[in-house]
């Protein structure tokens, strides 16, 4: 009887050890479920009106105040993935947008603060993920990527963007923090806070 007990004990220990050494499954490697982006948030923050743009403000740490509305901030639904809100200018050929005030922030490098000169157009920028399915509040994911900016002389440079924030469909407000990777233009990396709203804000 004792021999049988010890034999069973050895078998259990061996099986457990083998299971620990087994290669990871797909669930182990990819534990996160696919992102279920909110279509209603896209409909809240984007309108089909020509030249539509949100009210966008940037917090300036130098003046410790919010900027005036950043004009030329046209938003569009991504042509390749409708779960993303992008910032592009489909209305004027060879032009762009002032996305996150980049035209002003990089004006010295560009040699201009005109959106037509900088030609910033990014198809996928913001994705809205509700806290729970159907919720009107959630996280905003900023797609990490390089943004191509054109200089006055026609050459280009790249700035990396990433970040995150929150959104509320009831207040129609987005709060973001955007990080800029300026390493390829030999400038310190920076980050700024933003508010994007369907209606004008008094800040």
N, C-alpha and C. Protein backbone atom coordinates (compact mmCIF):
# COMPACT_ATOMS: atom_id res chain seq x y z
N UNK A 1 0.84 -1.21 0.00
CA UNK A 1 0.00 0.00 0.00
C UNK A 1 0.87 1.26 0.00
N UNK A 2 1.92 1.23 0.86
CA UNK A 2 2.83 2.36 0.92
C UNK A 2 3.52 2.57 -0.41
N UNK A 3 3.93 1.42 -1.05
CA UNK A 3 4.62 1.52 -2.33
C UNK A 3 3.73 2.18 -3.38
N UNK A 4 2.45 1.83 -3.35
CA UNK A 4 1.50 2.42 -4.31
C UNK A 4 1.35 3.92 -4.09
N UNK A 5 1.27 4.33 -2.82
CA UNK A 5 1.15 5.75 -2.47
C UNK A 5 2.36 6.54 -2.96
N UNK A 6 3.57 6.00 -2.67
CA UNK A 6 4.79 6.68 -3.08
C UNK A 6 4.91 6.75 -4.60
N UNK A 7 4.46 5.70 -5.27
CA UNK A 7 4.52 5.67 -6.73
C UNK A 7 3.61 6.75 -7.32
N UNK A 8 2.40 6.87 -6.76
CA UNK A 8 1.47 7.90 -7.21
C UNK A 8 2.03 9.31 -6.96
N UNK A 9 2.66 9.48 -5.80
CA UNK A 9 3.24 10.78 -5.44
C UNK A 9 4.34 11.17 -6.43
N UNK A 10 5.18 10.22 -6.78
CA UNK A 10 6.27 10.47 -7.73
C UNK A 10 5.70 10.84 -9.11
N UNK A 11 4.66 10.11 -9.52
CA UNK A 11 4.04 10.39 -10.82
C UNK A 11 3.44 11.80 -10.88
N UNK A 12 2.78 12.23 -9.78
CA UNK A 12 2.18 13.57 -9.72
C UNK A 12 3.25 14.65 -9.80
N UNK A 13 4.33 14.46 -9.04
CA UNK A 13 5.43 15.43 -9.04
C UNK A 13 6.06 15.52 -10.42
N UNK A 14 6.25 14.37 -11.06
CA UNK A 14 6.86 14.34 -12.39
C UNK A 14 5.98 15.04 -13.42
N UNK A 15 4.67 14.79 -13.33
CA UNK A 15 3.73 15.42 -14.28
C UNK A 15 3.72 16.93 -14.12
N UNK A 16 3.74 17.39 -12.85
CA UNK A 16 3.75 18.83 -12.59
C UNK A 16 5.00 19.48 -13.12
N UNK A 17 6.14 18.83 -12.92
CA UNK A 17 7.42 19.36 -13.39
C UNK A 17 7.45 19.44 -14.91
N UNK A 18 6.92 18.40 -15.55
CA UNK A 18 6.90 18.38 -17.02
C UNK A 18 6.01 19.50 -17.56
N UNK A 19 4.89 19.74 -16.87
CA UNK A 19 3.96 20.78 -17.32
C UNK A 19 4.60 22.16 -17.23
N UNK A 20 5.41 22.38 -16.17
CA UNK A 20 6.09 23.67 -16.01
C UNK A 20 7.11 23.88 -17.12
N UNK A 21 7.74 22.77 -17.57
CA UNK A 21 8.77 22.86 -18.59
C UNK A 21 8.18 22.89 -20.00
N UNK A 22 6.89 22.70 -20.12
CA UNK A 22 6.25 22.66 -21.44
C UNK A 22 6.32 24.03 -22.08
N UNK A 23 6.41 24.07 -23.42
CA UNK A 23 6.47 25.37 -24.11
C UNK A 23 5.19 26.17 -23.87
N UNK A 24 5.30 27.52 -23.80
CA UNK A 24 4.12 28.36 -23.55
C UNK A 24 3.09 28.23 -24.66
N UNK A 25 1.84 28.28 -24.27
CA UNK A 25 0.76 28.22 -25.25
C UNK A 25 0.52 29.60 -25.83
N UNK A 26 -0.36 29.68 -26.82
CA UNK A 26 -0.72 30.96 -27.42
C UNK A 26 -1.33 31.89 -26.38
N UNK A 27 -2.14 31.30 -25.46
CA UNK A 27 -2.76 32.12 -24.41
C UNK A 27 -1.73 32.68 -23.45
N UNK A 28 -0.65 31.91 -23.22
CA UNK A 28 0.42 32.40 -22.35
C UNK A 28 1.16 33.56 -22.99
N UNK A 29 1.40 33.45 -24.29
CA UNK A 29 2.16 34.47 -25.00
C UNK A 29 1.33 35.72 -25.28
N UNK A 30 0.03 35.54 -25.52
CA UNK A 30 -0.84 36.65 -25.87
C UNK A 30 -2.05 36.66 -24.94
N UNK A 31 -1.83 37.06 -23.67
CA UNK A 31 -2.92 37.01 -22.69
C UNK A 31 -3.99 38.07 -22.91
N UNK A 32 -3.63 39.16 -23.57
CA UNK A 32 -4.58 40.26 -23.74
C UNK A 32 -5.58 39.94 -24.85
N UNK A 33 -6.82 40.29 -24.61
CA UNK A 33 -7.84 40.12 -25.62
C UNK A 33 -7.71 41.23 -26.66
N UNK A 34 -8.18 41.00 -27.88
CA UNK A 34 -8.12 42.05 -28.90
C UNK A 34 -8.84 43.31 -28.44
N UNK A 35 -8.31 44.45 -28.83
CA UNK A 35 -8.91 45.72 -28.45
C UNK A 35 -10.29 45.86 -29.10
N UNK A 36 -11.29 46.18 -28.29
CA UNK A 36 -12.63 46.43 -28.79
C UNK A 36 -12.85 47.94 -28.79
N UNK A 37 -12.45 48.57 -29.88
CA UNK A 37 -12.54 50.03 -29.96
C UNK A 37 -13.98 50.49 -30.04
N UNK A 38 -14.23 51.71 -29.57
CA UNK A 38 -15.59 52.25 -29.49
C UNK A 38 -15.96 53.01 -30.76
N UNK A 39 -16.98 52.54 -31.46
CA UNK A 39 -17.48 53.24 -32.64
C UNK A 39 -18.27 54.48 -32.23
N UNK A 40 -18.96 54.41 -31.09
CA UNK A 40 -19.75 55.57 -30.66
C UNK A 40 -18.85 56.74 -30.29
N UNK A 41 -17.64 56.45 -29.78
CA UNK A 41 -16.70 57.54 -29.47
C UNK A 41 -16.24 58.22 -30.74
N UNK A 42 -15.97 57.43 -31.78
CA UNK A 42 -15.60 58.02 -33.07
C UNK A 42 -16.70 58.96 -33.55
N UNK A 43 -17.95 58.51 -33.42
CA UNK A 43 -19.09 59.33 -33.86
C UNK A 43 -19.28 60.57 -32.99
N UNK A 44 -18.82 60.50 -31.74
CA UNK A 44 -18.91 61.66 -30.85
C UNK A 44 -17.89 62.73 -31.22
N UNK A 45 -16.67 62.29 -31.51
CA UNK A 45 -15.58 63.24 -31.70
C UNK A 45 -15.27 63.55 -33.17
N UNK A 46 -16.02 62.95 -34.08
CA UNK A 46 -15.82 63.22 -35.49
C UNK A 46 -17.15 63.47 -36.18
N UNK A 47 -17.21 64.49 -37.01
CA UNK A 47 -18.42 64.82 -37.77
C UNK A 47 -18.08 64.80 -39.26
N UNK A 48 -19.07 64.49 -40.10
CA UNK A 48 -18.82 64.43 -41.54
C UNK A 48 -18.77 65.79 -42.22
N UNK A 49 -18.90 66.87 -41.44
CA UNK A 49 -18.89 68.21 -42.02
C UNK A 49 -17.54 68.52 -42.66
N UNK A 50 -17.53 69.15 -43.85
CA UNK A 50 -16.26 69.56 -44.47
C UNK A 50 -15.47 70.48 -43.54
N UNK A 51 -14.17 70.29 -43.50
CA UNK A 51 -13.26 71.11 -42.70
C UNK A 51 -13.55 71.01 -41.20
N UNK A 52 -14.19 69.91 -40.77
CA UNK A 52 -14.49 69.76 -39.35
C UNK A 52 -13.19 69.65 -38.55
N UNK A 53 -13.17 70.30 -37.39
CA UNK A 53 -12.03 70.17 -36.49
C UNK A 53 -12.49 70.34 -35.04
N UNK A 54 -11.89 69.56 -34.17
CA UNK A 54 -12.16 69.67 -32.75
C UNK A 54 -11.54 70.96 -32.20
N UNK A 55 -11.98 71.34 -31.02
CA UNK A 55 -11.31 72.43 -30.30
C UNK A 55 -10.13 71.80 -29.56
N UNK A 56 -8.93 72.18 -29.95
CA UNK A 56 -7.72 71.56 -29.39
C UNK A 56 -6.89 72.62 -28.68
N UNK A 57 -6.46 72.28 -27.46
CA UNK A 57 -5.66 73.20 -26.65
C UNK A 57 -4.45 72.45 -26.09
N UNK A 58 -3.33 73.15 -25.98
CA UNK A 58 -2.10 72.56 -25.42
C UNK A 58 -1.70 73.33 -24.17
N UNK A 59 -1.30 72.59 -23.14
CA UNK A 59 -0.81 73.27 -21.93
C UNK A 59 0.65 73.64 -22.15
N UNK A 60 0.95 74.93 -22.02
CA UNK A 60 2.31 75.44 -22.22
C UNK A 60 3.02 75.53 -20.87
N UNK A 61 4.02 74.68 -20.63
CA UNK A 61 4.69 74.71 -19.32
C UNK A 61 5.50 75.99 -19.09
N UNK A 62 5.86 76.69 -20.16
CA UNK A 62 6.62 77.93 -19.99
C UNK A 62 5.74 79.04 -19.44
N UNK A 63 4.53 79.17 -19.97
CA UNK A 63 3.61 80.20 -19.49
C UNK A 63 2.68 79.67 -18.41
N UNK A 64 2.72 78.35 -18.20
CA UNK A 64 1.84 77.68 -17.22
C UNK A 64 0.37 78.03 -17.48
N UNK A 65 -0.01 77.95 -18.74
CA UNK A 65 -1.39 78.23 -19.12
C UNK A 65 -1.72 77.46 -20.39
N UNK A 66 -3.01 77.35 -20.67
CA UNK A 66 -3.45 76.69 -21.88
C UNK A 66 -3.39 77.65 -23.06
N UNK A 67 -3.02 77.14 -24.22
CA UNK A 67 -2.97 77.97 -25.41
C UNK A 67 -4.38 78.28 -25.89
N UNK A 68 -4.47 79.19 -26.83
CA UNK A 68 -5.72 79.40 -27.53
C UNK A 68 -5.98 78.17 -28.41
N UNK A 69 -7.16 78.10 -28.98
CA UNK A 69 -7.49 76.97 -29.85
C UNK A 69 -6.44 76.84 -30.96
N UNK A 70 -5.99 75.60 -31.17
CA UNK A 70 -5.02 75.33 -32.23
C UNK A 70 -5.79 75.11 -33.53
N UNK A 71 -5.76 76.08 -34.40
CA UNK A 71 -6.50 76.00 -35.65
C UNK A 71 -5.83 75.08 -36.66
N UNK A 72 -6.58 74.71 -37.69
CA UNK A 72 -6.02 73.84 -38.73
C UNK A 72 -5.80 72.42 -38.25
N UNK A 73 -6.68 71.97 -37.35
CA UNK A 73 -6.52 70.66 -36.71
C UNK A 73 -7.60 69.71 -37.24
N UNK A 74 -7.67 69.55 -38.56
CA UNK A 74 -8.73 68.76 -39.18
C UNK A 74 -8.62 67.28 -38.81
N UNK A 75 -9.74 66.71 -38.40
CA UNK A 75 -9.75 65.29 -38.03
C UNK A 75 -10.49 64.49 -39.09
N UNK A 76 -10.04 63.25 -39.29
CA UNK A 76 -10.65 62.37 -40.29
C UNK A 76 -10.64 60.94 -39.77
N UNK A 77 -11.61 60.14 -40.21
CA UNK A 77 -11.60 58.72 -39.87
C UNK A 77 -10.62 58.02 -40.78
N UNK A 78 -9.79 57.16 -40.20
CA UNK A 78 -8.76 56.46 -40.97
C UNK A 78 -9.35 55.75 -42.18
N UNK A 79 -8.66 55.84 -43.30
CA UNK A 79 -9.09 55.18 -44.52
C UNK A 79 -8.82 53.68 -44.49
N UNK A 80 -7.89 53.26 -43.62
CA UNK A 80 -7.50 51.85 -43.59
C UNK A 80 -7.98 51.11 -42.35
N UNK A 81 -8.39 51.84 -41.30
CA UNK A 81 -8.89 51.21 -40.08
C UNK A 81 -9.86 52.20 -39.41
N UNK A 82 -11.14 51.96 -39.56
CA UNK A 82 -12.15 52.91 -39.11
C UNK A 82 -12.25 53.03 -37.59
N UNK A 83 -11.46 52.27 -36.84
CA UNK A 83 -11.44 52.43 -35.38
C UNK A 83 -10.49 53.55 -34.95
N UNK A 84 -9.78 54.14 -35.90
CA UNK A 84 -8.83 55.21 -35.59
C UNK A 84 -9.32 56.55 -36.10
N UNK A 85 -9.07 57.58 -35.31
CA UNK A 85 -9.25 58.96 -35.74
C UNK A 85 -7.88 59.47 -36.14
N UNK A 86 -7.79 60.03 -37.34
CA UNK A 86 -6.53 60.59 -37.80
C UNK A 86 -6.63 62.09 -37.93
N UNK A 87 -5.51 62.72 -38.31
CA UNK A 87 -5.49 64.16 -38.56
C UNK A 87 -4.84 64.37 -39.92
N UNK A 88 -5.68 64.69 -40.90
CA UNK A 88 -5.21 64.88 -42.26
C UNK A 88 -5.97 66.04 -42.90
N UNK A 89 -5.44 66.53 -44.01
CA UNK A 89 -6.09 67.61 -44.73
C UNK A 89 -6.44 67.13 -46.14
N UNK A 90 -7.65 66.56 -46.31
CA UNK A 90 -8.05 66.09 -47.63
C UNK A 90 -8.66 67.20 -48.48
N UNK A 91 -8.69 68.42 -47.95
CA UNK A 91 -9.39 69.51 -48.61
C UNK A 91 -8.48 70.38 -49.48
N UNK A 92 -7.20 70.45 -49.09
CA UNK A 92 -6.25 71.29 -49.82
C UNK A 92 -5.07 70.43 -50.25
N UNK A 93 -4.80 70.39 -51.55
CA UNK A 93 -3.71 69.56 -52.08
C UNK A 93 -2.36 70.03 -51.54
N UNK A 94 -1.51 69.06 -51.25
CA UNK A 94 -0.14 69.35 -50.78
C UNK A 94 -0.13 70.24 -49.54
N UNK A 95 -1.09 70.01 -48.65
CA UNK A 95 -1.12 70.75 -47.39
C UNK A 95 -1.12 69.76 -46.24
N UNK A 96 -1.49 70.21 -45.06
CA UNK A 96 -1.48 69.33 -43.90
C UNK A 96 -2.29 69.90 -42.76
N UNK A 97 -1.96 69.48 -41.54
CA UNK A 97 -2.67 69.92 -40.35
C UNK A 97 -1.66 70.40 -39.30
N UNK A 98 -2.20 71.03 -38.26
CA UNK A 98 -1.33 71.54 -37.19
C UNK A 98 -1.22 70.55 -36.04
N UNK A 99 -1.34 69.29 -36.33
CA UNK A 99 -1.51 68.23 -35.33
C UNK A 99 -0.69 68.45 -34.05
N UNK A 100 -1.43 68.57 -32.93
CA UNK A 100 -0.85 68.75 -31.59
C UNK A 100 0.08 69.97 -31.53
N UNK A 101 -0.16 70.95 -32.39
CA UNK A 101 0.62 72.19 -32.41
C UNK A 101 2.05 71.96 -32.89
N UNK A 102 2.28 70.84 -33.61
CA UNK A 102 3.63 70.50 -34.04
C UNK A 102 4.21 71.54 -34.99
N UNK A 103 3.36 72.16 -35.80
CA UNK A 103 3.85 73.17 -36.73
C UNK A 103 4.50 74.33 -35.97
N UNK A 104 3.91 74.71 -34.84
CA UNK A 104 4.48 75.78 -34.02
C UNK A 104 5.66 75.26 -33.19
N UNK A 105 5.52 74.07 -32.61
CA UNK A 105 6.58 73.53 -31.76
C UNK A 105 7.88 73.31 -32.52
N UNK A 106 7.75 72.96 -33.80
CA UNK A 106 8.94 72.69 -34.62
C UNK A 106 9.15 73.76 -35.68
N UNK A 107 8.59 74.94 -35.45
CA UNK A 107 8.69 76.04 -36.41
C UNK A 107 10.12 76.40 -36.77
N UNK A 108 11.02 76.38 -35.78
CA UNK A 108 12.42 76.73 -36.04
C UNK A 108 13.09 75.71 -36.96
N UNK A 109 12.74 74.44 -36.78
CA UNK A 109 13.32 73.39 -37.61
C UNK A 109 12.70 73.43 -39.01
N UNK A 110 11.40 73.65 -39.05
CA UNK A 110 10.68 73.71 -40.33
C UNK A 110 11.09 74.94 -41.13
N UNK A 111 11.29 76.04 -40.43
CA UNK A 111 11.56 77.31 -41.10
C UNK A 111 10.27 78.04 -41.43
N UNK A 112 9.17 77.59 -40.84
CA UNK A 112 7.85 78.16 -41.10
C UNK A 112 6.87 77.62 -40.06
N UNK A 113 5.74 78.31 -39.89
CA UNK A 113 4.67 77.80 -39.03
C UNK A 113 3.40 77.59 -39.85
N UNK A 114 3.54 77.40 -41.15
CA UNK A 114 2.40 77.20 -42.03
C UNK A 114 2.13 75.70 -42.21
N UNK A 115 0.86 75.30 -42.08
CA UNK A 115 0.54 73.88 -42.23
C UNK A 115 0.78 73.40 -43.66
N UNK A 116 0.67 74.30 -44.63
CA UNK A 116 0.91 73.92 -46.02
C UNK A 116 2.39 73.60 -46.25
N UNK A 117 3.26 74.26 -45.50
CA UNK A 117 4.70 73.98 -45.61
C UNK A 117 5.05 72.67 -44.92
N UNK A 118 4.56 72.48 -43.69
CA UNK A 118 4.92 71.30 -42.90
C UNK A 118 4.31 70.01 -43.45
N UNK A 119 3.13 70.10 -44.07
CA UNK A 119 2.49 68.95 -44.72
C UNK A 119 2.36 67.73 -43.79
N UNK A 120 1.92 67.95 -42.57
CA UNK A 120 1.72 66.85 -41.62
C UNK A 120 0.36 66.21 -41.87
N UNK A 121 0.36 64.95 -42.21
CA UNK A 121 -0.87 64.18 -42.42
C UNK A 121 -0.67 62.78 -41.83
N UNK A 122 -1.48 62.41 -40.84
CA UNK A 122 -1.34 61.11 -40.20
C UNK A 122 -2.70 60.42 -40.17
N UNK A 123 -2.80 59.28 -40.84
CA UNK A 123 -4.09 58.60 -41.03
C UNK A 123 -4.63 57.97 -39.75
N UNK A 124 -3.75 57.44 -38.89
CA UNK A 124 -4.18 56.77 -37.65
C UNK A 124 -3.47 57.39 -36.45
N UNK A 125 -4.25 58.01 -35.57
CA UNK A 125 -3.65 58.66 -34.39
C UNK A 125 -4.31 58.20 -33.09
N UNK A 126 -5.63 58.40 -32.98
CA UNK A 126 -6.32 58.12 -31.72
C UNK A 126 -7.27 56.94 -31.85
N UNK A 127 -7.25 56.07 -30.84
CA UNK A 127 -8.19 54.95 -30.77
C UNK A 127 -8.85 54.97 -29.40
N UNK A 128 -10.17 54.77 -29.36
CA UNK A 128 -10.95 54.90 -28.14
C UNK A 128 -11.36 53.52 -27.63
N UNK A 129 -10.97 53.20 -26.40
CA UNK A 129 -11.27 51.89 -25.83
C UNK A 129 -12.08 52.07 -24.54
N UNK A 130 -13.36 51.69 -24.54
CA UNK A 130 -14.21 51.89 -23.36
C UNK A 130 -13.74 51.07 -22.17
N UNK A 131 -14.00 51.59 -20.97
CA UNK A 131 -13.61 50.86 -19.75
C UNK A 131 -14.30 49.50 -19.69
N UNK A 132 -15.55 49.46 -20.09
CA UNK A 132 -16.31 48.21 -20.19
C UNK A 132 -17.11 48.28 -21.49
N UNK A 133 -17.50 47.15 -22.06
CA UNK A 133 -18.26 47.18 -23.31
C UNK A 133 -19.48 48.09 -23.23
N UNK A 134 -19.57 49.04 -24.14
CA UNK A 134 -20.71 49.96 -24.18
C UNK A 134 -20.58 51.18 -23.30
N UNK A 135 -19.50 51.26 -22.51
CA UNK A 135 -19.32 52.41 -21.61
C UNK A 135 -19.07 53.68 -22.42
N UNK A 136 -19.44 54.82 -21.85
CA UNK A 136 -19.27 56.11 -22.50
C UNK A 136 -17.96 56.78 -22.11
N UNK A 137 -17.19 56.13 -21.25
CA UNK A 137 -15.87 56.63 -20.86
C UNK A 137 -14.84 55.54 -21.13
N UNK A 138 -13.59 55.97 -21.31
CA UNK A 138 -12.55 54.97 -21.53
C UNK A 138 -11.18 55.58 -21.74
N UNK A 139 -10.28 54.74 -22.22
CA UNK A 139 -8.90 55.16 -22.49
C UNK A 139 -8.74 55.56 -23.95
N UNK A 140 -7.87 56.51 -24.17
CA UNK A 140 -7.48 56.88 -25.53
C UNK A 140 -6.07 56.37 -25.75
N UNK A 141 -5.89 55.60 -26.79
CA UNK A 141 -4.56 55.10 -27.15
C UNK A 141 -4.02 55.92 -28.32
N UNK A 142 -2.85 56.48 -28.13
CA UNK A 142 -2.18 57.22 -29.20
C UNK A 142 -1.25 56.25 -29.91
N UNK A 143 -1.46 56.05 -31.19
CA UNK A 143 -0.65 55.09 -31.94
C UNK A 143 0.79 55.57 -32.02
N UNK A 144 1.71 54.77 -31.48
CA UNK A 144 3.13 55.13 -31.51
C UNK A 144 3.65 55.01 -32.94
N UNK A 145 4.24 56.08 -33.43
CA UNK A 145 4.71 56.09 -34.82
C UNK A 145 5.60 57.30 -35.07
N UNK A 146 6.21 57.31 -36.24
CA UNK A 146 7.00 58.46 -36.68
C UNK A 146 6.14 59.36 -37.55
N UNK A 147 6.19 60.64 -37.28
CA UNK A 147 5.47 61.63 -38.08
C UNK A 147 6.46 62.34 -38.98
N UNK A 148 6.17 62.35 -40.27
CA UNK A 148 7.05 63.03 -41.24
C UNK A 148 6.64 64.49 -41.36
N UNK A 149 7.63 65.37 -41.19
CA UNK A 149 7.40 66.82 -41.27
C UNK A 149 8.29 67.38 -42.38
N UNK A 150 7.73 68.24 -43.20
CA UNK A 150 8.47 68.83 -44.31
C UNK A 150 9.01 70.21 -43.93
N UNK A 151 10.27 70.44 -44.28
CA UNK A 151 10.89 71.74 -44.03
C UNK A 151 10.58 72.70 -45.17
N UNK A 152 10.89 73.96 -44.95
CA UNK A 152 10.65 74.99 -45.96
C UNK A 152 11.44 74.72 -47.23
N UNK A 153 12.63 74.09 -47.08
CA UNK A 153 13.45 73.81 -48.26
C UNK A 153 13.04 72.52 -48.98
N UNK A 154 11.98 71.87 -48.50
CA UNK A 154 11.48 70.68 -49.17
C UNK A 154 11.99 69.37 -48.61
N UNK A 155 13.02 69.40 -47.78
CA UNK A 155 13.51 68.18 -47.13
C UNK A 155 12.58 67.83 -45.97
N UNK A 156 12.74 66.64 -45.44
CA UNK A 156 11.85 66.19 -44.36
C UNK A 156 12.65 65.73 -43.14
N UNK A 157 11.96 65.66 -42.01
CA UNK A 157 12.52 65.06 -40.80
C UNK A 157 11.41 64.31 -40.09
N UNK A 158 11.77 63.45 -39.17
CA UNK A 158 10.79 62.63 -38.47
C UNK A 158 10.81 62.90 -36.96
N UNK A 159 9.61 62.92 -36.39
CA UNK A 159 9.43 63.05 -34.94
C UNK A 159 8.58 61.88 -34.48
N UNK A 160 9.04 61.17 -33.46
CA UNK A 160 8.25 60.06 -32.92
C UNK A 160 7.18 60.57 -31.97
N UNK A 161 5.98 60.00 -32.08
CA UNK A 161 4.93 60.35 -31.13
C UNK A 161 4.41 59.09 -30.44
N UNK A 162 3.98 59.25 -29.21
CA UNK A 162 3.32 58.20 -28.44
C UNK A 162 2.54 58.90 -27.35
N UNK A 163 1.76 58.13 -26.61
CA UNK A 163 1.02 58.76 -25.52
C UNK A 163 -0.28 58.04 -25.21
N UNK A 164 -1.05 58.64 -24.32
CA UNK A 164 -2.31 58.05 -23.90
C UNK A 164 -3.16 59.11 -23.22
N UNK A 165 -4.39 58.73 -22.90
CA UNK A 165 -5.27 59.66 -22.23
C UNK A 165 -6.62 59.02 -21.94
N UNK A 166 -7.61 59.85 -21.72
CA UNK A 166 -8.96 59.38 -21.41
C UNK A 166 -9.96 60.18 -22.23
N UNK A 167 -11.17 59.61 -22.36
CA UNK A 167 -12.23 60.32 -23.07
C UNK A 167 -13.55 60.13 -22.32
N UNK A 168 -14.47 61.05 -22.57
CA UNK A 168 -15.80 61.01 -21.97
C UNK A 168 -16.80 61.48 -23.04
N UNK A 169 -17.65 60.58 -23.48
CA UNK A 169 -18.62 60.94 -24.52
C UNK A 169 -19.70 61.89 -24.01
N UNK A 170 -19.97 61.85 -22.70
CA UNK A 170 -21.00 62.72 -22.13
C UNK A 170 -20.53 64.18 -22.11
N UNK A 171 -19.32 64.41 -21.64
CA UNK A 171 -18.77 65.77 -21.62
C UNK A 171 -18.15 66.14 -22.96
N UNK A 172 -17.99 65.14 -23.84
CA UNK A 172 -17.40 65.33 -25.18
C UNK A 172 -15.99 65.91 -25.09
N UNK A 173 -15.22 65.32 -24.15
CA UNK A 173 -13.88 65.84 -23.87
C UNK A 173 -12.84 64.71 -23.90
N UNK A 174 -11.69 65.01 -24.47
CA UNK A 174 -10.54 64.10 -24.48
C UNK A 174 -9.39 64.78 -23.75
N UNK A 175 -8.75 64.08 -22.83
CA UNK A 175 -7.53 64.56 -22.17
C UNK A 175 -6.39 63.66 -22.61
N UNK A 176 -5.30 64.26 -23.09
CA UNK A 176 -4.17 63.49 -23.61
C UNK A 176 -2.85 63.99 -23.07
N UNK A 177 -1.88 63.09 -23.05
CA UNK A 177 -0.48 63.49 -22.89
C UNK A 177 0.29 62.86 -24.04
N UNK A 178 0.94 63.70 -24.83
CA UNK A 178 1.69 63.24 -26.00
C UNK A 178 3.18 63.39 -25.72
N UNK A 179 3.91 62.33 -26.02
CA UNK A 179 5.36 62.35 -25.88
C UNK A 179 5.99 62.45 -27.27
N UNK A 180 6.97 63.33 -27.40
CA UNK A 180 7.64 63.55 -28.68
C UNK A 180 9.09 63.07 -28.58
N UNK A 181 9.47 62.18 -29.48
CA UNK A 181 10.85 61.71 -29.57
C UNK A 181 11.58 62.58 -30.59
N UNK A 182 12.44 63.46 -30.09
CA UNK A 182 13.14 64.42 -30.94
C UNK A 182 14.59 64.03 -31.21
N UNK A 183 14.93 62.77 -30.94
CA UNK A 183 16.32 62.33 -31.02
C UNK A 183 16.92 62.49 -32.41
N UNK A 184 16.08 62.36 -33.45
CA UNK A 184 16.62 62.42 -34.81
C UNK A 184 16.84 63.84 -35.32
N UNK A 185 16.41 64.82 -34.52
CA UNK A 185 16.71 66.21 -34.88
C UNK A 185 17.57 66.85 -33.79
N UNK A 186 18.19 65.98 -32.98
CA UNK A 186 19.15 66.42 -31.95
C UNK A 186 18.57 67.46 -31.00
N UNK A 187 17.33 67.21 -30.58
CA UNK A 187 16.69 68.06 -29.58
C UNK A 187 16.23 67.19 -28.42
N UNK A 188 16.10 67.77 -27.22
CA UNK A 188 15.60 66.98 -26.08
C UNK A 188 14.19 66.47 -26.35
N UNK A 189 13.88 65.29 -25.83
CA UNK A 189 12.52 64.77 -25.93
C UNK A 189 11.59 65.64 -25.09
N UNK A 190 10.36 65.76 -25.52
CA UNK A 190 9.40 66.61 -24.83
C UNK A 190 8.05 65.90 -24.68
N UNK A 191 7.21 66.41 -23.81
CA UNK A 191 5.84 65.91 -23.68
C UNK A 191 4.93 67.07 -23.29
N UNK A 192 3.68 67.00 -23.77
CA UNK A 192 2.73 68.07 -23.51
C UNK A 192 1.35 67.48 -23.23
N UNK A 193 0.57 68.22 -22.46
CA UNK A 193 -0.81 67.83 -22.18
C UNK A 193 -1.74 68.58 -23.13
N UNK A 194 -2.82 67.90 -23.52
CA UNK A 194 -3.78 68.46 -24.47
C UNK A 194 -5.21 68.21 -24.01
N UNK A 195 -6.09 69.10 -24.42
CA UNK A 195 -7.52 68.89 -24.29
C UNK A 195 -8.13 69.02 -25.68
N UNK A 196 -8.95 68.03 -26.06
CA UNK A 196 -9.68 68.06 -27.33
C UNK A 196 -11.15 68.00 -27.00
N UNK A 197 -11.92 68.93 -27.53
CA UNK A 197 -13.33 69.03 -27.16
C UNK A 197 -14.20 69.28 -28.39
N UNK A 198 -15.43 68.80 -28.33
CA UNK A 198 -16.39 69.04 -29.40
C UNK A 198 -16.85 70.50 -29.39
N UNK A 199 -16.86 71.09 -28.20
CA UNK A 199 -17.26 72.51 -28.05
C UNK A 199 -16.11 73.32 -27.47
N UNK A 200 -16.19 74.62 -27.61
CA UNK A 200 -15.15 75.51 -27.11
C UNK A 200 -15.04 75.43 -25.59
N UNK A 201 -13.82 75.49 -25.09
CA UNK A 201 -13.57 75.44 -23.64
C UNK A 201 -13.04 76.78 -23.15
N UNK A 202 -13.36 77.10 -21.91
CA UNK A 202 -12.77 78.27 -21.24
C UNK A 202 -11.78 77.71 -20.22
N UNK A 203 -10.50 77.92 -20.48
CA UNK A 203 -9.45 77.31 -19.64
C UNK A 203 -8.61 78.38 -18.97
